[in-house]
Amino acid sequence: MAKKTIITAAVTGAWPKKENNPNVPMTPSEIADDVYACWKAGAAIAHLHMRDDNGNGVMDPVKFKETVDLIHERYPDCDIILNLTTSGDIHADDELRVAHIKELKPEMASYDCGSMNWLHSGLFLNTPKFLTDCGYLFQETGTKPEIEVFDPGMIGNAAYYLKKGVLKAPLHFQFCMGCANGIPGSMKNLVFMKETMEALCPGSTWSCFGVGHSALEMLYGAVALGGHIRVGMEDNVMYAKGVLADSNAQFVERAARVIREYGNEVATPDEAREILGMK
């Protein structure tokens, strides 16, 4: 049987605004409609950030609830896995970063497994206490951690928290490639991240995305190396050099074509749940 490949749609993120691309969804209503379009195009997972009224990233539990409710109310047939960020504002305190997790108990949420300088402008802090508390909270709420790693040291952190029982196997990693101050997006580095994960956390699953010019290399590389893929305007507002993306669904449609042309099949949400050990 053909291998199933999961597509995650990261539809907005905390940074790109309408002036960067007028098609970036910003409001709960726009995000809900975009998630549905991505699901129709083949996405099994939607990774969600929220924006304030000025378009800045915000960890607002009210907006998270409004968006999740809109998706369920407008599109009751949509069974996409909702993956809620815990890192949509580097200025938010630890309690605010998980308030929506406690309330909504999502199927999946991001777990950024280490601290780093962020975009040459600030600190992205994920302290040992936050990671420990977050890991146990996810176990209480039945939330699957998407372990976001920006360098191989963060994979080592995940192995430590797995050993301590803060995280439970099977782990699922998101290799964040090409972010400023993180590991550059290249095939050599992607192979290194995959091999590091396999050595430290055997039996784990993985996905990846590439920011900017590394996006397509990481898309093709993930499929070729047997991983899964994330696409969307959180990571890129350009569909091709000099060409703004029309929509997040456009990215999902391309990923689906690549997966099928390689000989794999696009995983449905229920198949993704099975692959990730969520069922």
Protein backbone atom coordinates (compact mmCIF):
# COMPACT_ATOMS: atom_id res chain seq x y z
CA MET A 1 0.00 0.00 0.00
CA ALA A 2 1.13 3.56 -0.67
CA LYS A 3 2.62 5.48 2.22
CA LYS A 4 0.37 8.10 3.80
CA THR A 5 1.85 11.58 4.12
CA ILE A 6 0.34 14.17 6.48
CA ILE A 7 -0.04 17.79 5.40
CA THR A 8 -0.20 20.46 8.11
CA ALA A 9 -1.48 23.91 7.12
CA ALA A 10 0.01 26.74 9.19
CA VAL A 11 -2.39 29.41 8.03
CA THR A 12 -1.33 32.65 9.69
CA GLY A 13 1.44 32.59 12.31
CA ALA A 14 2.33 35.65 14.37
CA TRP A 15 4.09 37.76 11.79
CA PRO A 16 2.85 38.25 8.20
CA LYS A 17 0.26 41.01 7.81
CA LYS A 18 -2.03 42.17 5.04
CA GLU A 19 0.67 44.51 3.75
CA ASN A 20 2.93 41.49 3.24
CA ASN A 21 0.18 39.56 1.48
CA PRO A 22 -3.48 40.68 1.42
CA ASN A 23 -4.55 37.02 1.47
CA VAL A 24 -3.17 36.29 4.97
CA PRO A 25 -6.12 35.38 7.25
CA MET A 26 -6.19 37.53 10.38
CA THR A 27 -9.58 37.42 12.08
CA PRO A 28 -11.24 34.35 13.63
CA SER A 29 -13.73 34.35 10.74
CA GLU A 30 -11.02 34.49 8.08
CA ILE A 31 -8.97 31.82 9.82
CA ALA A 32 -11.97 29.50 10.15
CA ASP A 33 -12.75 29.80 6.43
CA ASP A 34 -9.10 29.24 5.54
CA VAL A 35 -8.88 26.12 7.68
CA TYR A 36 -11.89 24.66 5.90
CA ALA A 37 -10.42 25.44 2.47
CA CYS A 38 -7.15 23.78 3.48
CA TRP A 39 -9.00 20.70 4.72
CA LYS A 40 -10.84 20.47 1.42
CA ALA A 41 -7.48 20.67 -0.37
CA GLY A 42 -5.99 17.82 1.66
CA ALA A 43 -4.66 19.16 4.98
CA ALA A 44 -5.11 16.79 7.92
CA ILE A 45 -3.86 19.27 10.54
CA ALA A 46 -4.35 23.02 10.94
CA HIS A 47 -1.81 24.90 13.06
CA LEU A 48 -3.44 27.99 14.52
CA HIS A 49 -2.19 31.35 15.80
CA MET A 50 -4.34 34.32 16.76
CA ARG A 51 -3.98 38.05 15.95
CA ASP A 52 -5.07 41.13 17.85
CA ASP A 53 -7.02 43.96 16.21
CA ASN A 54 -3.76 45.45 14.90
CA GLY A 55 -2.70 42.18 13.32
CA ASN A 56 -0.05 41.31 15.91
CA GLY A 57 0.35 37.82 17.33
CA VAL A 58 -1.55 37.38 20.58
CA MET A 59 -2.20 34.56 23.05
CA ASP A 60 -5.86 35.46 23.57
CA PRO A 61 -7.96 32.52 24.84
CA VAL A 62 -11.14 34.33 23.76
CA LYS A 63 -9.97 34.51 20.14
CA PHE A 64 -8.83 30.89 20.20
CA LYS A 65 -12.26 29.80 21.44
CA GLU A 66 -14.07 31.98 18.91
CA THR A 67 -12.01 30.53 16.05
CA VAL A 68 -12.39 26.91 17.15
CA ASP A 69 -16.13 27.39 17.67
CA LEU A 70 -16.52 28.99 14.23
CA ILE A 71 -14.77 26.06 12.55
CA HIS A 72 -17.07 23.56 14.25
CA GLU A 73 -20.25 25.59 13.76
CA ARG A 74 -19.73 26.62 10.13
CA TYR A 75 -18.20 23.37 8.95
CA PRO A 76 -19.56 20.45 10.97
CA ASP A 77 -18.26 18.00 8.35
CA CYS A 78 -14.67 19.20 8.83
CA ASP A 79 -12.74 16.65 10.91
CA ILE A 80 -9.35 18.37 10.62
CA ILE A 81 -7.01 18.10 13.64
CA LEU A 82 -6.66 21.49 15.32
CA ASN A 83 -3.12 22.20 16.53
CA LEU A 84 -3.10 25.31 18.73
CA THR A 85 0.11 27.23 19.27
CA THR A 86 1.53 27.91 22.72
CA SER A 87 4.03 30.42 21.32
CA GLY A 88 2.11 33.12 19.48
CA ASP A 89 3.59 36.06 21.41
CA ILE A 90 7.12 36.05 22.88
CA HIS A 91 5.97 38.62 25.46
CA ALA A 92 3.17 36.44 26.89
CA ASP A 93 3.76 34.89 30.31
CA ASP A 94 3.72 31.15 30.86
CA GLU A 95 0.18 31.07 32.26
CA LEU A 96 -1.32 32.95 29.32
CA ARG A 97 0.51 30.70 26.85
CA VAL A 98 -1.50 27.68 28.01
CA ALA A 99 -4.80 29.25 29.16
CA HIS A 100 -6.56 28.17 25.95
CA ILE A 101 -5.16 24.64 26.27
CA LYS A 102 -6.73 24.28 29.72
CA GLU A 103 -10.08 25.54 28.44
CA LEU A 104 -10.33 23.97 24.98
CA LYS A 105 -8.33 20.74 25.47
CA PRO A 106 -7.29 20.57 21.79
CA GLU A 107 -6.23 17.37 20.10
CA MET A 108 -2.78 18.83 19.42
CA ALA A 109 -0.69 21.82 20.48
CA SER A 110 2.82 23.06 19.88
CA TYR A 111 5.61 22.27 22.37
CA ASP A 112 8.72 24.32 21.58
CA CYS A 113 11.49 22.26 23.10
CA GLY A 114 14.07 24.90 24.03
CA SER A 115 14.92 28.59 24.16
CA MET A 116 16.60 30.64 21.44
CA ASN A 117 17.26 34.12 20.13
CA TRP A 118 14.31 35.06 17.91
CA LEU A 119 14.70 36.87 14.59
CA HIS A 120 17.76 38.75 15.88
CA SER A 121 15.42 40.90 17.97
CA GLY A 122 14.30 39.11 21.13
CA LEU A 123 14.35 35.99 23.28
CA PHE A 124 12.03 33.04 22.75
CA LEU A 125 12.00 31.51 26.23
CA ASN A 126 10.90 27.97 26.94
CA THR A 127 12.26 27.37 30.41
CA PRO A 128 12.65 23.93 32.00
CA LYS A 129 9.75 24.74 34.32
CA PHE A 130 7.48 25.77 31.45
CA LEU A 131 8.34 22.67 29.43
CA THR A 132 7.78 20.42 32.43
CA ASP A 133 4.47 22.03 33.36
CA CYS A 134 3.35 22.08 29.74
CA GLY A 135 4.18 18.41 29.22
CA TYR A 136 2.14 17.33 32.23
CA LEU A 137 -0.71 19.66 31.25
CA PHE A 138 -0.88 18.07 27.80
CA GLN A 139 -1.14 14.65 29.43
CA GLU A 140 -4.05 15.89 31.58
CA THR A 141 -5.91 17.42 28.63
CA GLY A 142 -5.24 14.53 26.23
CA THR A 143 -3.36 16.89 23.89
CA LYS A 144 -0.73 15.51 21.52
CA PRO A 145 2.44 17.62 21.67
CA GLU A 146 3.84 18.75 18.35
CA ILE A 147 7.47 19.05 19.41
CA GLU A 148 8.85 22.01 17.48
CA VAL A 149 12.64 21.92 17.24
CA PHE A 150 14.76 24.65 15.69
CA ASP A 151 18.13 22.92 16.18
CA PRO A 152 19.35 19.43 17.12
CA GLY A 153 19.89 20.40 20.76
CA MET A 154 16.13 20.69 21.15
CA ILE A 155 15.80 17.06 20.07
CA GLY A 156 18.11 16.22 22.97
CA ASN A 157 15.81 18.18 25.27
CA ALA A 158 12.85 16.12 24.05
CA ALA A 159 14.75 12.91 24.78
CA TYR A 160 15.39 14.15 28.33
CA TYR A 161 11.72 14.99 28.95
CA LEU A 162 10.69 11.64 27.47
CA LYS A 163 13.02 9.87 29.94
CA LYS A 164 11.58 11.91 32.82
CA GLY A 165 7.98 11.09 31.87
CA VAL A 166 7.09 14.69 31.00
CA LEU A 167 6.56 13.55 27.42
CA LYS A 168 5.08 10.21 26.39
CA ALA A 169 5.99 8.12 23.36
CA PRO A 170 5.39 8.06 20.49
CA LEU A 171 6.74 11.58 19.99
CA HIS A 172 5.96 13.72 16.96
CA PHE A 173 8.50 16.31 15.86
CA GLN A 174 8.20 19.38 13.66
CA PHE A 175 11.62 20.29 12.24
CA CYS A 176 11.61 24.07 11.84
CA MET A 177 14.13 24.69 9.07
CA GLY A 178 15.52 27.99 7.86
CA CYS A 179 14.27 30.22 10.69
CA ALA A 180 16.56 33.08 11.69
CA ASN A 181 18.84 31.89 14.55
CA GLY A 182 17.80 28.27 13.94
CA ILE A 183 19.29 25.53 11.77
CA PRO A 184 19.44 26.52 8.07
CA GLY A 185 17.06 24.76 5.70
CA SER A 186 19.08 22.35 3.56
CA MET A 187 18.89 18.67 2.70
CA LYS A 188 22.14 17.98 4.57
CA ASN A 189 20.70 19.56 7.71
CA LEU A 190 17.34 17.84 7.31
CA VAL A 191 19.05 14.43 7.12
CA PHE A 192 21.07 15.37 10.22
CA MET A 193 17.92 16.34 12.15
CA LYS A 194 16.19 13.10 11.11
CA GLU A 195 19.17 10.96 12.10
CA THR A 196 19.53 12.79 15.43
CA MET A 197 15.85 12.16 16.19
CA GLU A 198 16.14 8.48 15.26
CA ALA A 199 19.18 8.06 17.52
CA LEU A 200 17.76 9.90 20.55
CA CYS A 201 14.01 9.24 20.22
CA PRO A 202 13.55 6.05 18.18
CA GLY A 203 10.04 5.31 16.99
CA SER A 204 9.11 8.96 16.63
CA THR A 205 7.34 10.53 13.66
CA TRP A 206 8.38 13.81 12.08
CA SER A 207 7.30 16.62 9.82
CA CYS A 208 9.16 19.68 8.60
CA PHE A 209 8.80 23.06 6.97
CA GLY A 210 11.21 25.44 5.31
CA VAL A 211 11.03 29.20 5.63
CA GLY A 212 11.49 31.39 2.57
CA HIS A 213 13.83 30.10 -0.10
CA SER A 214 14.20 26.68 1.59
CA ALA A 215 10.46 25.91 1.43
CA LEU A 216 10.43 23.75 -1.68
CA GLU A 217 13.67 21.95 -0.83
CA MET A 218 12.16 20.95 2.51
CA LEU A 219 8.85 19.98 0.87
CA TYR A 220 10.53 17.63 -1.58
CA GLY A 221 13.04 16.47 1.02
CA ALA A 222 10.41 15.55 3.59
CA VAL A 223 8.47 13.45 1.11
CA ALA A 224 11.62 11.73 -0.17
CA LEU A 225 12.90 10.97 3.34
CA GLY A 226 9.58 9.53 4.52
CA GLY A 227 8.45 12.40 6.70
CA HIS A 228 5.40 14.63 6.72
CA ILE A 229 5.11 18.25 5.62
CA ARG A 230 3.89 21.63 6.84
CA VAL A 231 3.03 24.47 4.48
CA GLY A 232 1.27 27.81 4.74
CA MET A 233 1.53 31.55 5.16
CA GLU A 234 2.99 31.33 8.65
CA ASP A 235 6.17 30.23 6.93
CA ASN A 236 5.92 31.85 3.48
CA VAL A 237 3.74 34.51 1.87
CA MET A 238 5.30 33.92 -1.56
CA TYR A 239 4.14 30.98 -3.65
CA ALA A 240 7.14 31.35 -5.96
CA LYS A 241 9.87 33.92 -6.46
CA GLY A 242 8.14 37.24 -7.03
CA VAL A 243 4.66 35.66 -6.83
CA LEU A 244 2.42 36.23 -3.81
CA ALA A 245 0.39 33.22 -2.70
CA ASP A 246 -3.31 33.38 -3.52
CA SER A 247 -4.28 31.37 -0.44
CA ASN A 248 -3.12 28.80 2.06
CA ALA A 249 -5.07 26.20 0.10
CA GLN A 250 -2.78 26.88 -2.85
CA PHE A 251 0.18 25.67 -0.76
CA VAL A 252 -1.75 22.60 0.36
CA GLU A 253 -2.74 21.76 -3.21
CA ARG A 254 0.90 21.87 -4.32
CA ALA A 255 1.99 19.68 -1.41
CA ALA A 256 -0.74 17.18 -2.28
CA ARG A 257 0.43 17.08 -5.92
CA VAL A 258 4.03 16.43 -4.86
CA ILE A 259 2.95 13.66 -2.49
CA ARG A 260 0.86 11.93 -5.15
CA GLU A 261 3.44 12.31 -7.89
CA TYR A 262 6.03 10.74 -5.61
CA GLY A 263 3.73 7.72 -5.26
CA ASN A 264 2.41 8.41 -1.76
CA GLU A 265 -1.12 9.23 -0.69
CA VAL A 266 -2.34 12.28 1.23
CA ALA A 267 -3.36 11.25 4.74
CA THR A 268 -6.87 12.04 5.92
CA PRO A 269 -7.32 13.45 9.44
CA ASP A 270 -8.30 10.03 10.79
CA GLU A 271 -5.29 8.44 9.11
CA ALA A 272 -3.12 11.16 10.64
CA ARG A 273 -4.52 10.36 14.07
CA GLU A 274 -3.58 6.72 13.53
CA ILE A 275 -0.06 7.54 12.29
CA LEU A 276 0.59 9.90 15.23
CA GLY A 277 -0.73 7.51 17.88
CA MET A 278 -3.71 9.71 18.73
CA LYS A 279 -6.33 6.97 18.44
